[in-house]
Amino acid sequence: MSTKVYVGNLSWGTNEDILRGAFEPYGTVLDAIVLKDRDTGRSRGFGFVTLASPEEANAAINGLDGQELDGKSIKVSIANERLDRGNRPGRY
């Protein structure tokens, strides 16, 4: 069963390839995404990586949480389930 991890405090210059490369030593990376501001296209400073198993995700968390990536100390943890936002309006 795949497991998604949250990666926070990313450098503005960190992209999906850099993120994927950091996690590949810990297991099979199924997906890596850096969230971007929809107006500016600039990184929002966080992303998500999906690994093939919970064991690989835990190994990545233990190995990468607090480590430096692109000049910043990153935060890595199991991603929380996204809550249904309901009928909340979008940003203005």
N, C-alpha and C. Protein backbone atom coordinates (compact mmCIF):
# COMPACT_ATOMS: atom_id res chain seq x y z
N MET A 1 0.85 -1.18 0.00
CA MET A 1 0.00 0.00 0.00
C MET A 1 0.89 1.25 0.00
N SER A 2 0.65 2.14 -0.92
CA SER A 2 1.46 3.35 -1.02
C SER A 2 1.16 4.29 0.15
N THR A 3 2.14 5.13 0.47
CA THR A 3 2.02 6.07 1.57
C THR A 3 2.52 7.43 1.13
N LYS A 4 1.73 8.47 1.42
CA LYS A 4 2.07 9.83 1.04
C LYS A 4 2.69 10.55 2.22
N VAL A 5 3.79 11.27 1.96
CA VAL A 5 4.42 12.07 3.00
C VAL A 5 4.39 13.55 2.62
N TYR A 6 4.27 14.37 3.63
CA TYR A 6 4.30 15.82 3.49
C TYR A 6 5.74 16.28 3.62
N VAL A 7 6.14 17.22 2.77
CA VAL A 7 7.48 17.79 2.84
C VAL A 7 7.33 19.30 2.92
N GLY A 8 7.71 19.88 4.05
CA GLY A 8 7.56 21.31 4.26
C GLY A 8 8.88 22.04 4.33
N ASN A 9 8.80 23.36 4.29
CA ASN A 9 9.94 24.26 4.37
C ASN A 9 10.87 24.10 3.17
N LEU A 10 10.29 23.85 1.99
CA LEU A 10 11.09 23.72 0.78
C LEU A 10 11.59 25.09 0.31
N SER A 11 12.76 25.08 -0.28
CA SER A 11 13.30 26.28 -0.91
C SER A 11 12.42 26.64 -2.10
N TRP A 12 12.37 27.93 -2.43
CA TRP A 12 11.56 28.36 -3.58
C TRP A 12 12.04 27.69 -4.87
N GLY A 13 13.33 27.31 -4.91
CA GLY A 13 13.89 26.72 -6.13
C GLY A 13 13.75 25.21 -6.23
N THR A 14 13.23 24.57 -5.19
CA THR A 14 13.09 23.11 -5.22
C THR A 14 11.96 22.72 -6.16
N ASN A 15 12.27 21.81 -7.10
CA ASN A 15 11.24 21.34 -8.03
C ASN A 15 10.99 19.84 -7.82
N GLU A 16 10.11 19.27 -8.62
CA GLU A 16 9.74 17.87 -8.46
C GLU A 16 10.92 16.92 -8.65
N ASP A 17 11.82 17.24 -9.59
CA ASP A 17 12.97 16.37 -9.84
C ASP A 17 13.91 16.33 -8.63
N ILE A 18 14.15 17.49 -8.03
CA ILE A 18 15.01 17.55 -6.84
C ILE A 18 14.36 16.79 -5.69
N LEU A 19 13.05 16.98 -5.52
CA LEU A 19 12.32 16.30 -4.45
C LEU A 19 12.37 14.78 -4.65
N ARG A 20 12.11 14.34 -5.86
CA ARG A 20 12.14 12.91 -6.18
C ARG A 20 13.54 12.34 -5.89
N GLY A 21 14.56 13.05 -6.31
CA GLY A 21 15.93 12.58 -6.11
C GLY A 21 16.30 12.43 -4.64
N ALA A 22 15.78 13.30 -3.80
CA ALA A 22 16.06 13.22 -2.36
C ALA A 22 15.43 11.98 -1.74
N PHE A 23 14.27 11.56 -2.26
CA PHE A 23 13.54 10.45 -1.66
C PHE A 23 13.87 9.09 -2.27
N GLU A 24 14.43 9.05 -3.47
CA GLU A 24 14.69 7.77 -4.14
C GLU A 24 15.61 6.82 -3.37
N PRO A 25 16.59 7.30 -2.61
CA PRO A 25 17.42 6.36 -1.85
C PRO A 25 16.63 5.57 -0.79
N TYR A 26 15.43 6.02 -0.45
CA TYR A 26 14.64 5.38 0.60
C TYR A 26 13.59 4.42 0.07
N GLY A 27 13.39 4.38 -1.24
CA GLY A 27 12.41 3.46 -1.80
C GLY A 27 11.90 3.91 -3.15
N THR A 28 10.84 3.25 -3.60
CA THR A 28 10.24 3.55 -4.89
C THR A 28 9.33 4.76 -4.78
N VAL A 29 9.70 5.83 -5.48
CA VAL A 29 8.90 7.06 -5.47
C VAL A 29 7.86 6.95 -6.59
N LEU A 30 6.59 6.92 -6.21
CA LEU A 30 5.51 6.82 -7.18
C LEU A 30 5.10 8.19 -7.72
N ASP A 31 5.26 9.22 -6.89
CA ASP A 31 4.86 10.57 -7.29
C ASP A 31 5.58 11.58 -6.40
N ALA A 32 5.93 12.71 -6.99
CA ALA A 32 6.52 13.82 -6.23
C ALA A 32 5.96 15.11 -6.81
N ILE A 33 5.43 15.96 -5.94
CA ILE A 33 4.83 17.20 -6.41
C ILE A 33 5.18 18.34 -5.46
N VAL A 34 5.50 19.48 -6.05
CA VAL A 34 5.72 20.71 -5.30
C VAL A 34 4.52 21.61 -5.60
N LEU A 35 3.82 22.05 -4.56
CA LEU A 35 2.64 22.89 -4.77
C LEU A 35 3.07 24.29 -5.15
N LYS A 36 2.37 24.85 -6.12
CA LYS A 36 2.70 26.18 -6.63
C LYS A 36 1.51 27.12 -6.48
N ASP A 37 1.81 28.39 -6.30
CA ASP A 37 0.78 29.42 -6.25
C ASP A 37 0.13 29.50 -7.63
N ARG A 38 -1.17 29.44 -7.68
CA ARG A 38 -1.84 29.42 -8.98
C ARG A 38 -1.75 30.75 -9.72
N ASP A 39 -1.52 31.85 -9.00
CA ASP A 39 -1.42 33.15 -9.65
C ASP A 39 0.00 33.44 -10.16
N THR A 40 1.00 33.12 -9.35
CA THR A 40 2.38 33.47 -9.70
C THR A 40 3.18 32.31 -10.27
N GLY A 41 2.73 31.07 -10.00
CA GLY A 41 3.48 29.90 -10.44
C GLY A 41 4.69 29.59 -9.56
N ARG A 42 4.90 30.39 -8.52
CA ARG A 42 6.02 30.19 -7.60
C ARG A 42 5.68 29.10 -6.58
N SER A 43 6.70 28.38 -6.15
CA SER A 43 6.52 27.34 -5.14
C SER A 43 5.86 27.91 -3.89
N ARG A 44 4.98 27.12 -3.28
CA ARG A 44 4.36 27.52 -2.02
C ARG A 44 5.18 27.04 -0.83
N GLY A 45 6.31 26.38 -1.09
CA GLY A 45 7.21 25.98 -0.02
C GLY A 45 6.91 24.63 0.59
N PHE A 46 6.02 23.86 -0.03
CA PHE A 46 5.77 22.51 0.46
C PHE A 46 5.35 21.60 -0.68
N GLY A 47 5.38 20.31 -0.42
CA GLY A 47 5.00 19.35 -1.44
C GLY A 47 4.66 18.01 -0.82
N PHE A 48 4.44 17.03 -1.68
CA PHE A 48 4.09 15.69 -1.24
C PHE A 48 4.86 14.67 -2.08
N VAL A 49 5.26 13.58 -1.43
CA VAL A 49 5.92 12.48 -2.12
C VAL A 49 5.18 11.21 -1.75
N THR A 50 4.84 10.40 -2.75
CA THR A 50 4.18 9.13 -2.50
C THR A 50 5.20 8.02 -2.70
N LEU A 51 5.39 7.22 -1.65
CA LEU A 51 6.31 6.08 -1.70
C LEU A 51 5.51 4.79 -1.76
N ALA A 52 6.14 3.73 -2.24
CA ALA A 52 5.45 2.47 -2.52
C ALA A 52 4.92 1.76 -1.28
N SER A 53 5.53 1.99 -0.11
CA SER A 53 5.09 1.27 1.09
C SER A 53 5.24 2.14 2.33
N PRO A 54 4.51 1.79 3.40
CA PRO A 54 4.67 2.52 4.67
C PRO A 54 6.09 2.41 5.22
N GLU A 55 6.74 1.27 5.01
CA GLU A 55 8.11 1.09 5.50
C GLU A 55 9.07 2.06 4.81
N GLU A 56 8.90 2.22 3.49
CA GLU A 56 9.74 3.16 2.75
C GLU A 56 9.46 4.59 3.20
N ALA A 57 8.20 4.91 3.43
CA ALA A 57 7.84 6.25 3.89
C ALA A 57 8.47 6.54 5.25
N ASN A 58 8.41 5.58 6.16
CA ASN A 58 9.01 5.77 7.48
C ASN A 58 10.53 5.91 7.40
N ALA A 59 11.16 5.14 6.51
CA ALA A 59 12.60 5.26 6.31
C ALA A 59 12.96 6.66 5.81
N ALA A 60 12.16 7.18 4.88
CA ALA A 60 12.39 8.53 4.34
C ALA A 60 12.20 9.59 5.42
N ILE A 61 11.17 9.43 6.23
CA ILE A 61 10.92 10.39 7.32
C ILE A 61 12.10 10.38 8.28
N ASN A 62 12.54 9.19 8.69
CA ASN A 62 13.66 9.08 9.63
C ASN A 62 14.95 9.62 9.03
N GLY A 63 15.13 9.45 7.73
CA GLY A 63 16.36 9.88 7.10
C GLY A 63 16.40 11.34 6.68
N LEU A 64 15.23 11.92 6.38
CA LEU A 64 15.21 13.26 5.80
C LEU A 64 14.66 14.36 6.69
N ASP A 65 13.83 14.04 7.68
CA ASP A 65 13.25 15.08 8.52
C ASP A 65 14.36 15.86 9.22
N GLY A 66 14.37 17.17 9.02
CA GLY A 66 15.38 18.03 9.62
C GLY A 66 16.66 18.16 8.81
N GLN A 67 16.76 17.41 7.71
CA GLN A 67 17.95 17.48 6.86
C GLN A 67 17.86 18.66 5.90
N GLU A 68 18.98 19.04 5.34
CA GLU A 68 19.02 20.17 4.43
C GLU A 68 18.78 19.72 2.99
N LEU A 69 17.91 20.43 2.30
CA LEU A 69 17.65 20.21 0.88
C LEU A 69 17.58 21.58 0.22
N ASP A 70 18.42 21.81 -0.76
CA ASP A 70 18.47 23.10 -1.45
C ASP A 70 18.67 24.28 -0.49
N GLY A 71 19.47 24.04 0.56
CA GLY A 71 19.80 25.12 1.48
C GLY A 71 18.83 25.37 2.61
N LYS A 72 17.78 24.54 2.73
CA LYS A 72 16.81 24.71 3.82
C LYS A 72 16.60 23.40 4.55
N SER A 73 16.38 23.49 5.85
CA SER A 73 16.10 22.32 6.67
C SER A 73 14.63 21.93 6.45
N ILE A 74 14.40 20.75 5.86
CA ILE A 74 13.03 20.36 5.51
C ILE A 74 12.34 19.61 6.64
N LYS A 75 11.03 19.67 6.62
CA LYS A 75 10.18 18.95 7.57
C LYS A 75 9.48 17.84 6.78
N VAL A 76 9.58 16.60 7.26
CA VAL A 76 9.00 15.46 6.56
C VAL A 76 8.15 14.67 7.55
N SER A 77 6.89 14.40 7.18
CA SER A 77 5.99 13.63 8.05
C SER A 77 4.93 12.94 7.19
N ILE A 78 4.23 11.99 7.80
CA ILE A 78 3.12 11.35 7.11
C ILE A 78 2.08 12.42 6.79
N ALA A 79 1.58 12.41 5.57
CA ALA A 79 0.58 13.41 5.15
C ALA A 79 -0.75 13.12 5.82
N ASN A 80 -1.43 14.17 6.24
CA ASN A 80 -2.77 14.03 6.79
C ASN A 80 -3.76 13.83 5.65
N GLU A 81 -4.82 13.10 5.92
CA GLU A 81 -5.89 12.96 4.94
C GLU A 81 -6.50 14.32 4.69
N ARG A 82 -6.77 14.62 3.45
CA ARG A 82 -7.39 15.90 3.11
C ARG A 82 -8.85 15.88 3.53
N LEU A 83 -9.23 16.88 4.27
CA LEU A 83 -10.62 16.98 4.70
C LEU A 83 -11.45 17.59 3.58
N ASP A 84 -12.68 17.16 3.47
CA ASP A 84 -13.59 17.73 2.47
C ASP A 84 -13.83 19.19 2.83
N ARG A 85 -13.55 20.07 1.89
CA ARG A 85 -13.71 21.50 2.14
C ARG A 85 -15.15 21.95 1.95
N GLY A 86 -16.01 21.07 1.50
CA GLY A 86 -17.41 21.42 1.34
C GLY A 86 -17.62 22.50 0.31
N ASN A 87 -18.53 23.40 0.58
CA ASN A 87 -18.88 24.45 -0.36
C ASN A 87 -18.18 25.76 -0.07
N ARG A 88 -17.01 25.69 0.53
CA ARG A 88 -16.28 26.92 0.81
C ARG A 88 -15.84 27.56 -0.49
N PRO A 89 -16.01 28.85 -0.60
CA PRO A 89 -15.59 29.51 -1.85
C PRO A 89 -14.08 29.54 -1.98
N GLY A 90 -13.61 29.70 -3.22
CA GLY A 90 -12.18 29.79 -3.49
C GLY A 90 -11.62 31.13 -3.07
N ARG A 91 -10.33 31.30 -3.34
CA ARG A 91 -9.67 32.56 -3.01
C ARG A 91 -10.16 33.66 -3.92
N TYR A 92 -10.06 34.87 -3.42
CA TYR A 92 -10.43 36.04 -4.22
C TYR A 92 -9.20 36.80 -4.62
